Amino acid sequence: MQIIKCTKKLQKEMGLKKSDLSVSEPVEGVIGPWHANLIYILGKKCVIFVNDKTLFNFIVAGVTRDQIRNLSSMFIKNLSCTLADEGINEDSCRRIIEEHDSLEYKITDNKSVLGSMNDLAFHYKVNIEDKGSIHTHEIPNIIKRLNHMPMGALKYAYAIDALKEALEHKV
């Protein structure tokens, strides 16, 4: 079981009430909990996910309310694809996905991760708008580029390197 910490905007879109939110503490696991936010790019709903420990991130662009209300399924599917696109080996992918086989939602609680997520949201917005469409085939390349971008909260290391390091320590 793992946690996705959702912004109020995302909670509202998901139809979550305060009583629906978990009071459980996140499990450290392989990479631990995530933060997620609903953003709009070119007038379309998008959900950005950022891992608390590594700042590894991805976006799901052009989603519907029904897809957002099934956030766990959307998260797992897109996490799997993003890990594969990054060349993460099958065993590591399996361990990460198993850690997230059951998800609960909480409120956001880490200002540093929120700040990084807002910075990443800006970069996603600029990169996608530059392509002219939310449905650009360049989304996987944009995700990869942002995971290979120096992050101040990681002392200017890359999120992909932080993810790989976390995977090495959880063998």
N, C-alpha and C. Protein backbone atom coordinates (compact mmCIF):
# COMPACT_ATOMS: atom_id res chain seq x y z
N MET A 1 0.84 -1.18 0.00
CA MET A 1 0.00 0.00 0.00
C MET A 1 0.89 1.24 0.00
N GLN A 2 0.48 2.23 -0.80
CA GLN A 2 1.23 3.47 -0.87
C GLN A 2 0.25 4.65 -0.91
N ILE A 3 0.80 5.84 -0.80
CA ILE A 3 0.01 7.07 -0.68
C ILE A 3 0.28 7.99 -1.87
N ILE A 4 -0.80 8.61 -2.37
CA ILE A 4 -0.67 9.74 -3.29
C ILE A 4 -1.29 10.93 -2.56
N LYS A 5 -0.49 11.96 -2.37
CA LYS A 5 -0.93 13.16 -1.68
C LYS A 5 -1.46 14.14 -2.73
N CYS A 6 -2.73 14.41 -2.69
CA CYS A 6 -3.42 15.19 -3.72
C CYS A 6 -3.68 16.62 -3.28
N THR A 7 -3.49 17.55 -4.20
CA THR A 7 -3.85 18.94 -3.92
C THR A 7 -5.37 19.05 -3.78
N LYS A 8 -5.81 20.13 -3.18
CA LYS A 8 -7.26 20.34 -3.01
C LYS A 8 -7.98 20.37 -4.36
N LYS A 9 -7.35 20.96 -5.37
CA LYS A 9 -7.96 21.03 -6.70
C LYS A 9 -8.19 19.62 -7.26
N LEU A 10 -7.20 18.74 -7.09
CA LEU A 10 -7.33 17.36 -7.57
C LEU A 10 -8.35 16.59 -6.73
N GLN A 11 -8.33 16.80 -5.41
CA GLN A 11 -9.31 16.13 -4.54
C GLN A 11 -10.73 16.48 -4.98
N LYS A 12 -10.96 17.75 -5.27
CA LYS A 12 -12.29 18.20 -5.69
C LYS A 12 -12.69 17.53 -6.99
N GLU A 13 -11.78 17.48 -7.96
CA GLU A 13 -12.08 16.85 -9.25
C GLU A 13 -12.35 15.35 -9.10
N MET A 14 -11.68 14.73 -8.13
CA MET A 14 -11.87 13.30 -7.88
C MET A 14 -13.16 13.03 -7.10
N GLY A 15 -13.73 14.08 -6.52
CA GLY A 15 -14.93 13.91 -5.71
C GLY A 15 -14.62 13.37 -4.32
N LEU A 16 -13.40 13.60 -3.85
CA LEU A 16 -13.01 13.11 -2.52
C LEU A 16 -13.47 14.08 -1.44
N LYS A 17 -14.00 13.52 -0.37
CA LYS A 17 -14.35 14.31 0.81
C LYS A 17 -13.25 14.08 1.86
N LYS A 18 -13.26 14.90 2.86
CA LYS A 18 -12.26 14.77 3.92
C LYS A 18 -12.28 13.36 4.52
N SER A 19 -13.47 12.78 4.64
CA SER A 19 -13.60 11.44 5.22
C SER A 19 -13.03 10.35 4.31
N ASP A 20 -12.82 10.66 3.02
CA ASP A 20 -12.25 9.70 2.08
C ASP A 20 -10.73 9.64 2.17
N LEU A 21 -10.13 10.63 2.81
CA LEU A 21 -8.67 10.73 2.85
C LEU A 21 -8.10 9.85 3.95
N SER A 22 -6.97 9.27 3.65
CA SER A 22 -6.31 8.36 4.58
C SER A 22 -5.66 9.12 5.73
N VAL A 23 -5.58 8.46 6.86
CA VAL A 23 -4.83 8.99 7.99
C VAL A 23 -3.57 8.16 8.20
N SER A 24 -3.38 7.14 7.37
CA SER A 24 -2.21 6.27 7.45
C SER A 24 -0.95 7.03 7.10
N GLU A 25 0.13 6.60 7.69
CA GLU A 25 1.43 7.15 7.32
C GLU A 25 1.95 6.39 6.11
N PRO A 26 2.62 7.09 5.19
CA PRO A 26 3.14 6.40 4.01
C PRO A 26 4.20 5.37 4.40
N VAL A 27 4.27 4.32 3.61
CA VAL A 27 5.28 3.29 3.78
C VAL A 27 6.52 3.76 3.01
N GLU A 28 7.71 3.62 3.60
CA GLU A 28 8.91 4.07 2.91
C GLU A 28 9.07 3.30 1.61
N GLY A 29 8.99 1.98 1.65
CA GLY A 29 9.04 1.16 0.45
C GLY A 29 10.24 1.42 -0.44
N VAL A 30 10.10 1.08 -1.71
CA VAL A 30 11.19 1.25 -2.67
C VAL A 30 11.40 2.74 -2.96
N ILE A 31 10.32 3.43 -3.32
CA ILE A 31 10.45 4.87 -3.58
C ILE A 31 9.46 5.72 -2.79
N GLY A 32 8.52 5.09 -2.13
CA GLY A 32 7.64 5.82 -1.22
C GLY A 32 6.51 6.58 -1.88
N PRO A 33 5.93 7.55 -1.16
CA PRO A 33 4.72 8.26 -1.59
C PRO A 33 4.97 9.28 -2.71
N TRP A 34 3.86 9.77 -3.24
CA TRP A 34 3.85 10.72 -4.34
C TRP A 34 2.97 11.91 -4.00
N HIS A 35 3.17 13.01 -4.72
CA HIS A 35 2.27 14.16 -4.73
C HIS A 35 1.66 14.23 -6.12
N ALA A 36 0.42 14.71 -6.21
CA ALA A 36 -0.25 14.85 -7.51
C ALA A 36 -1.07 16.13 -7.53
N ASN A 37 -1.18 16.71 -8.72
CA ASN A 37 -1.92 17.95 -8.88
C ASN A 37 -2.65 17.95 -10.22
N LEU A 38 -3.77 18.63 -10.26
CA LEU A 38 -4.52 18.85 -11.49
C LEU A 38 -4.09 20.20 -12.04
N ILE A 39 -3.64 20.20 -13.29
CA ILE A 39 -3.27 21.45 -13.96
C ILE A 39 -3.99 21.50 -15.31
N TYR A 40 -4.03 22.67 -15.87
CA TYR A 40 -4.64 22.86 -17.18
C TYR A 40 -3.57 23.32 -18.16
N ILE A 41 -3.51 22.65 -19.30
CA ILE A 41 -2.60 23.04 -20.37
C ILE A 41 -3.42 23.10 -21.65
N LEU A 42 -3.35 24.24 -22.34
CA LEU A 42 -4.14 24.46 -23.55
C LEU A 42 -5.62 24.16 -23.30
N GLY A 43 -6.08 24.51 -22.10
CA GLY A 43 -7.48 24.35 -21.74
C GLY A 43 -7.91 22.92 -21.41
N LYS A 44 -6.96 22.00 -21.36
CA LYS A 44 -7.28 20.59 -21.09
C LYS A 44 -6.73 20.18 -19.72
N LYS A 45 -7.46 19.26 -19.07
CA LYS A 45 -7.04 18.76 -17.76
C LYS A 45 -5.84 17.82 -17.92
N CYS A 46 -4.89 17.99 -17.02
CA CYS A 46 -3.71 17.14 -16.96
C CYS A 46 -3.42 16.86 -15.48
N VAL A 47 -2.87 15.69 -15.20
CA VAL A 47 -2.48 15.36 -13.84
C VAL A 47 -0.98 15.13 -13.83
N ILE A 48 -0.30 15.83 -12.93
CA ILE A 48 1.15 15.68 -12.77
C ILE A 48 1.40 14.90 -11.48
N PHE A 49 2.31 13.94 -11.55
CA PHE A 49 2.70 13.12 -10.41
C PHE A 49 4.19 13.34 -10.14
N VAL A 50 4.54 13.53 -8.86
CA VAL A 50 5.94 13.74 -8.47
C VAL A 50 6.23 12.88 -7.25
N ASN A 51 7.26 12.04 -7.35
CA ASN A 51 7.64 11.20 -6.23
C ASN A 51 8.30 12.04 -5.14
N ASP A 52 7.88 11.83 -3.90
CA ASP A 52 8.38 12.63 -2.77
C ASP A 52 9.90 12.50 -2.59
N LYS A 53 10.41 11.28 -2.68
CA LYS A 53 11.82 11.03 -2.38
C LYS A 53 12.75 11.42 -3.52
N THR A 54 12.37 11.09 -4.75
CA THR A 54 13.28 11.22 -5.89
C THR A 54 12.93 12.37 -6.83
N LEU A 55 11.74 12.93 -6.71
CA LEU A 55 11.18 13.92 -7.62
C LEU A 55 11.00 13.37 -9.04
N PHE A 56 11.11 12.05 -9.19
CA PHE A 56 10.79 11.42 -10.47
C PHE A 56 9.35 11.78 -10.78
N ASN A 57 9.07 12.14 -12.02
CA ASN A 57 7.76 12.71 -12.32
C ASN A 57 7.25 12.29 -13.68
N PHE A 58 5.96 12.45 -13.87
CA PHE A 58 5.33 12.27 -15.17
C PHE A 58 4.01 13.00 -15.19
N ILE A 59 3.51 13.22 -16.39
CA ILE A 59 2.23 13.91 -16.58
C ILE A 59 1.33 13.00 -17.40
N VAL A 60 0.05 13.07 -17.10
CA VAL A 60 -0.97 12.41 -17.91
C VAL A 60 -1.80 13.56 -18.47
N ALA A 61 -1.72 13.74 -19.78
CA ALA A 61 -2.29 14.92 -20.42
C ALA A 61 -3.63 14.62 -21.08
N GLY A 62 -4.50 15.61 -21.05
CA GLY A 62 -5.79 15.52 -21.73
C GLY A 62 -6.70 14.46 -21.15
N VAL A 63 -6.88 14.49 -19.83
CA VAL A 63 -7.69 13.47 -19.16
C VAL A 63 -9.11 13.97 -18.90
N THR A 64 -10.01 13.03 -18.75
CA THR A 64 -11.41 13.34 -18.44
C THR A 64 -11.63 13.22 -16.93
N ARG A 65 -12.76 13.72 -16.48
CA ARG A 65 -13.12 13.59 -15.07
C ARG A 65 -13.22 12.12 -14.68
N ASP A 66 -13.80 11.28 -15.54
CA ASP A 66 -13.91 9.85 -15.24
C ASP A 66 -12.54 9.21 -15.06
N GLN A 67 -11.59 9.58 -15.90
CA GLN A 67 -10.23 9.05 -15.76
C GLN A 67 -9.60 9.51 -14.45
N ILE A 68 -9.83 10.77 -14.10
CA ILE A 68 -9.28 11.31 -12.86
C ILE A 68 -9.90 10.61 -11.65
N ARG A 69 -11.17 10.28 -11.75
CA ARG A 69 -11.83 9.59 -10.64
C ARG A 69 -11.36 8.15 -10.49
N ASN A 70 -10.65 7.66 -11.47
CA ASN A 70 -10.02 6.34 -11.39
C ASN A 70 -8.50 6.55 -11.39
N LEU A 71 -8.06 7.45 -10.49
CA LEU A 71 -6.67 7.90 -10.44
C LEU A 71 -5.69 6.75 -10.26
N SER A 72 -6.01 5.77 -9.40
CA SER A 72 -5.04 4.70 -9.15
C SER A 72 -4.72 3.93 -10.42
N SER A 73 -5.72 3.62 -11.21
CA SER A 73 -5.50 2.89 -12.46
C SER A 73 -4.67 3.73 -13.43
N MET A 74 -5.02 5.01 -13.56
CA MET A 74 -4.29 5.92 -14.43
C MET A 74 -2.84 6.04 -13.97
N PHE A 75 -2.64 6.15 -12.66
CA PHE A 75 -1.30 6.28 -12.10
C PHE A 75 -0.45 5.06 -12.42
N ILE A 76 -0.94 3.86 -12.13
CA ILE A 76 -0.16 2.64 -12.33
C ILE A 76 0.19 2.45 -13.80
N LYS A 77 -0.79 2.63 -14.68
CA LYS A 77 -0.55 2.45 -16.11
C LYS A 77 0.54 3.39 -16.61
N ASN A 78 0.44 4.65 -16.24
CA ASN A 78 1.39 5.65 -16.72
C ASN A 78 2.74 5.55 -16.02
N LEU A 79 2.75 5.16 -14.76
CA LEU A 79 4.02 4.92 -14.06
C LEU A 79 4.77 3.79 -14.75
N SER A 80 4.09 2.70 -15.06
CA SER A 80 4.72 1.56 -15.74
C SER A 80 5.34 1.99 -17.06
N CYS A 81 4.59 2.75 -17.84
CA CYS A 81 5.09 3.21 -19.14
C CYS A 81 6.30 4.13 -18.99
N THR A 82 6.23 5.03 -18.02
CA THR A 82 7.33 5.98 -17.81
C THR A 82 8.59 5.27 -17.35
N LEU A 83 8.45 4.30 -16.45
CA LEU A 83 9.61 3.53 -16.00
C LEU A 83 10.23 2.76 -17.17
N ALA A 84 9.39 2.15 -18.00
CA ALA A 84 9.88 1.40 -19.17
C ALA A 84 10.59 2.35 -20.14
N ASP A 85 10.00 3.52 -20.38
CA ASP A 85 10.62 4.50 -21.28
C ASP A 85 12.00 4.94 -20.77
N GLU A 86 12.18 4.92 -19.46
CA GLU A 86 13.47 5.31 -18.86
C GLU A 86 14.47 4.15 -18.82
N GLY A 87 14.04 2.98 -19.27
CA GLY A 87 14.95 1.83 -19.31
C GLY A 87 15.16 1.18 -17.95
N ILE A 88 14.23 1.39 -17.02
CA ILE A 88 14.33 0.74 -15.71
C ILE A 88 14.07 -0.76 -15.93
N ASN A 89 14.92 -1.60 -15.35
CA ASN A 89 14.80 -3.05 -15.61
C ASN A 89 13.49 -3.62 -15.06
N GLU A 90 13.10 -4.77 -15.62
CA GLU A 90 11.81 -5.38 -15.29
C GLU A 90 11.65 -5.67 -13.80
N ASP A 91 12.71 -6.16 -13.16
CA ASP A 91 12.62 -6.50 -11.74
C ASP A 91 12.33 -5.24 -10.90
N SER A 92 13.05 -4.16 -11.20
CA SER A 92 12.83 -2.90 -10.48
C SER A 92 11.44 -2.34 -10.74
N CYS A 93 10.99 -2.41 -12.00
CA CYS A 93 9.63 -1.96 -12.34
C CYS A 93 8.60 -2.75 -11.54
N ARG A 94 8.78 -4.06 -11.50
CA ARG A 94 7.84 -4.93 -10.78
C ARG A 94 7.79 -4.56 -9.30
N ARG A 95 8.98 -4.33 -8.69
CA ARG A 95 9.01 -3.96 -7.27
C ARG A 95 8.28 -2.65 -7.00
N ILE A 96 8.47 -1.67 -7.89
CA ILE A 96 7.81 -0.38 -7.73
C ILE A 96 6.30 -0.53 -7.89
N ILE A 97 5.88 -1.25 -8.92
CA ILE A 97 4.45 -1.42 -9.18
C ILE A 97 3.80 -2.20 -8.03
N GLU A 98 4.47 -3.23 -7.52
CA GLU A 98 3.91 -3.99 -6.38
C GLU A 98 3.74 -3.10 -5.16
N GLU A 99 4.67 -2.19 -4.95
CA GLU A 99 4.57 -1.25 -3.82
C GLU A 99 3.31 -0.39 -3.95
N HIS A 100 2.87 -0.17 -5.18
CA HIS A 100 1.72 0.71 -5.43
C HIS A 100 0.47 -0.07 -5.83
N ASP A 101 0.42 -1.36 -5.45
CA ASP A 101 -0.73 -2.19 -5.84
C ASP A 101 -2.02 -1.73 -5.17
N SER A 102 -1.91 -1.04 -4.08
CA SER A 102 -3.05 -0.48 -3.38
C SER A 102 -2.69 0.96 -3.02
N LEU A 103 -3.55 1.89 -3.38
CA LEU A 103 -3.26 3.30 -3.14
C LEU A 103 -4.31 3.94 -2.26
N GLU A 104 -3.84 4.83 -1.39
CA GLU A 104 -4.73 5.67 -0.60
C GLU A 104 -4.36 7.11 -0.89
N TYR A 105 -5.26 8.02 -0.58
CA TYR A 105 -5.05 9.44 -0.86
C TYR A 105 -5.02 10.23 0.44
N LYS A 106 -4.12 11.22 0.46
CA LYS A 106 -3.98 12.13 1.60
C LYS A 106 -3.89 13.55 1.07
N ILE A 107 -3.88 14.50 2.01
CA ILE A 107 -3.63 15.88 1.63
C ILE A 107 -2.12 16.08 1.43
N THR A 108 -1.76 17.08 0.68
CA THR A 108 -0.34 17.38 0.48
C THR A 108 0.27 17.83 1.81
N ASP A 109 1.55 17.52 2.00
CA ASP A 109 2.16 17.85 3.29
C ASP A 109 3.63 18.23 3.20
N ASN A 110 4.15 18.45 1.99
CA ASN A 110 5.57 18.74 1.86
C ASN A 110 5.74 19.94 0.93
N LYS A 111 6.06 21.08 1.51
CA LYS A 111 6.18 22.31 0.72
C LYS A 111 7.32 22.24 -0.30
N SER A 112 8.37 21.52 0.02
CA SER A 112 9.47 21.39 -0.92
C SER A 112 9.04 20.61 -2.17
N VAL A 113 8.32 19.50 -1.97
CA VAL A 113 7.83 18.72 -3.11
C VAL A 113 6.81 19.54 -3.89
N LEU A 114 5.93 20.26 -3.19
CA LEU A 114 4.95 21.12 -3.87
C LEU A 114 5.65 22.18 -4.73
N GLY A 115 6.71 22.78 -4.20
CA GLY A 115 7.47 23.77 -4.96
C GLY A 115 8.09 23.16 -6.21
N SER A 116 8.68 21.97 -6.06
CA SER A 116 9.25 21.27 -7.21
C SER A 116 8.16 20.91 -8.21
N MET A 117 7.01 20.47 -7.70
CA MET A 117 5.89 20.09 -8.58
C MET A 117 5.39 21.31 -9.36
N ASN A 118 5.32 22.47 -8.72
CA ASN A 118 4.90 23.68 -9.42
C ASN A 118 5.90 24.07 -10.50
N ASP A 119 7.19 23.92 -10.21
CA ASP A 119 8.23 24.20 -11.20
C ASP A 119 8.10 23.24 -12.38
N LEU A 120 7.90 21.97 -12.09
CA LEU A 120 7.74 20.98 -13.16
C LEU A 120 6.47 21.25 -13.97
N ALA A 121 5.38 21.65 -13.30
CA ALA A 121 4.14 21.97 -14.01
C ALA A 121 4.38 23.10 -15.01
N PHE A 122 5.15 24.10 -14.60
CA PHE A 122 5.48 25.19 -15.51
C PHE A 122 6.24 24.67 -16.73
N HIS A 123 7.22 23.81 -16.49
CA HIS A 123 8.01 23.25 -17.60
C HIS A 123 7.16 22.38 -18.52
N TYR A 124 6.27 21.57 -17.92
CA TYR A 124 5.36 20.77 -18.76
C TYR A 124 4.49 21.69 -19.62
N LYS A 125 3.95 22.72 -19.00
CA LYS A 125 3.08 23.64 -19.73
C LYS A 125 3.80 24.28 -20.90
N VAL A 126 4.99 24.81 -20.67
CA VAL A 126 5.75 25.48 -21.71
C VAL A 126 6.12 24.49 -22.83
N ASN A 127 6.58 23.30 -22.46
CA ASN A 127 7.00 22.32 -23.46
C ASN A 127 5.82 21.82 -24.30
N ILE A 128 4.69 21.57 -23.65
CA ILE A 128 3.52 21.06 -24.39
C ILE A 128 2.92 22.17 -25.25
N GLU A 129 2.81 23.37 -24.70
CA GLU A 129 2.28 24.48 -25.50
C GLU A 129 3.15 24.74 -26.72
N ASP A 130 4.46 24.56 -26.57
CA ASP A 130 5.39 24.74 -27.69
C ASP A 130 5.09 23.76 -28.82
N LYS A 131 4.58 22.59 -28.48
CA LYS A 131 4.24 21.57 -29.49
C LYS A 131 2.88 21.85 -30.12
N GLY A 132 2.07 22.73 -29.49
CA GLY A 132 0.82 23.16 -30.08
C GLY A 132 -0.38 22.28 -29.82
N SER A 133 -0.19 21.15 -29.12
CA SER A 133 -1.32 20.26 -28.86
C SER A 133 -1.06 19.44 -27.61
N ILE A 134 -2.10 19.23 -26.85
CA ILE A 134 -2.02 18.40 -25.65
C ILE A 134 -1.81 16.94 -26.02
N HIS A 135 -2.17 16.58 -27.25
CA HIS A 135 -2.07 15.20 -27.70
C HIS A 135 -0.82 14.95 -28.53
N THR A 136 0.20 15.74 -28.33
CA THR A 136 1.45 15.57 -29.06
C THR A 136 2.10 14.22 -28.75
N HIS A 137 2.68 13.62 -29.75
CA HIS A 137 3.41 12.36 -29.55
C HIS A 137 4.73 12.59 -28.81
N GLU A 138 5.05 13.84 -28.54
CA GLU A 138 6.29 14.20 -27.85
C GLU A 138 6.20 14.10 -26.32
N ILE A 139 5.01 13.80 -25.78
CA ILE A 139 4.84 13.76 -24.32
C ILE A 139 5.89 12.85 -23.66
N PRO A 140 6.12 11.61 -24.14
CA PRO A 140 7.15 10.78 -23.48
C PRO A 140 8.54 11.43 -23.49
N ASN A 141 8.87 12.12 -24.58
CA ASN A 141 10.16 12.81 -24.65
C ASN A 141 10.23 13.98 -23.67
N ILE A 142 9.11 14.68 -23.51
CA ILE A 142 9.06 15.80 -22.56
C ILE A 142 9.23 15.26 -21.14
N ILE A 143 8.54 14.17 -20.82
CA ILE A 143 8.67 13.56 -19.49
C ILE A 143 10.13 13.18 -19.24
N LYS A 144 10.73 12.54 -20.22
CA LYS A 144 12.13 12.11 -20.08
C LYS A 144 13.04 13.33 -19.88
N ARG A 145 12.82 14.37 -20.67
CA ARG A 145 13.66 15.57 -20.57
C ARG A 145 13.56 16.17 -19.16
N LEU A 146 12.34 16.20 -18.60
CA LEU A 146 12.17 16.81 -17.27
C LEU A 146 12.72 15.92 -16.16
N ASN A 147 12.78 14.62 -16.37
CA ASN A 147 13.42 13.75 -15.38
C ASN A 147 14.94 13.77 -15.49
N HIS A 148 15.44 14.39 -16.55
CA HIS A 148 16.88 14.55 -16.75
C HIS A 148 17.28 16.02 -16.62
N MET A 149 16.48 16.77 -15.88
CA MET A 149 16.72 18.19 -15.65
C MET A 149 17.22 18.36 -14.21
N PRO A 150 18.26 19.18 -13.98
CA PRO A 150 18.72 19.39 -12.60
C PRO A 150 17.61 19.98 -11.73
N MET A 151 17.48 19.42 -10.52
CA MET A 151 16.44 19.87 -9.59
C MET A 151 17.11 20.47 -8.35
N GLY A 152 16.75 21.70 -8.05
CA GLY A 152 17.33 22.39 -6.89
C GLY A 152 17.14 21.62 -5.59
N ALA A 153 15.96 21.02 -5.41
CA ALA A 153 15.67 20.28 -4.18
C ALA A 153 16.52 19.02 -4.05
N LEU A 154 17.14 18.60 -5.17
CA LEU A 154 18.04 17.43 -5.16
C LEU A 154 19.50 17.87 -5.26
N LYS A 155 19.76 19.12 -4.89
CA LYS A 155 21.10 19.70 -5.00
C LYS A 155 21.61 19.61 -6.44
N TYR A 156 20.71 19.89 -7.35
CA TYR A 156 20.95 19.96 -8.79
C TYR A 156 21.33 18.62 -9.42
N ALA A 157 20.88 17.55 -8.79
CA ALA A 157 20.97 16.22 -9.40
C ALA A 157 19.71 16.02 -10.23
N TYR A 158 19.68 14.94 -10.99
CA TYR A 158 18.54 14.61 -11.83
C TYR A 158 17.61 13.65 -11.10
N ALA A 159 16.31 13.81 -11.33
CA ALA A 159 15.32 12.92 -10.71
C ALA A 159 15.55 11.47 -11.12
N ILE A 160 15.91 11.23 -12.38
CA ILE A 160 16.14 9.86 -12.83
C ILE A 160 17.32 9.23 -12.06
N ASP A 161 18.35 10.01 -11.77
CA ASP A 161 19.48 9.49 -11.00
C ASP A 161 19.08 9.21 -9.56
N ALA A 162 18.25 10.07 -8.99
CA ALA A 162 17.76 9.84 -7.63
C ALA A 162 16.91 8.58 -7.58
N LEU A 163 16.10 8.34 -8.61
CA LEU A 163 15.29 7.11 -8.69
C LEU A 163 16.20 5.89 -8.76
N LYS A 164 17.18 5.93 -9.63
CA LYS A 164 18.10 4.78 -9.79
C LYS A 164 18.86 4.50 -8.49
N GLU A 165 19.26 5.57 -7.82
CA GLU A 165 19.96 5.42 -6.54
C GLU A 165 19.04 4.78 -5.50
N ALA A 166 17.79 5.21 -5.46
CA ALA A 166 16.82 4.63 -4.52
C ALA A 166 16.62 3.14 -4.81
N LEU A 167 16.58 2.78 -6.09
CA LEU A 167 16.42 1.39 -6.47
C LEU A 167 17.62 0.53 -6.08
N GLU A 168 18.81 1.10 -6.18
CA GLU A 168 20.03 0.38 -5.79
C GLU A 168 20.06 0.10 -4.29
N HIS A 169 19.53 1.04 -3.50
CA HIS A 169 19.56 0.88 -2.05
C HIS A 169 18.45 -0.04 -1.52
N LYS A 170 17.52 -0.40 -2.38
CA LYS A 170 16.40 -1.27 -1.96
C LYS A 170 16.47 -2.63 -2.64
N VAL A 171 17.66 -3.16 -2.79
CA VAL A 171 17.83 -4.45 -3.47
C VAL A 171 17.38 -5.58 -2.65
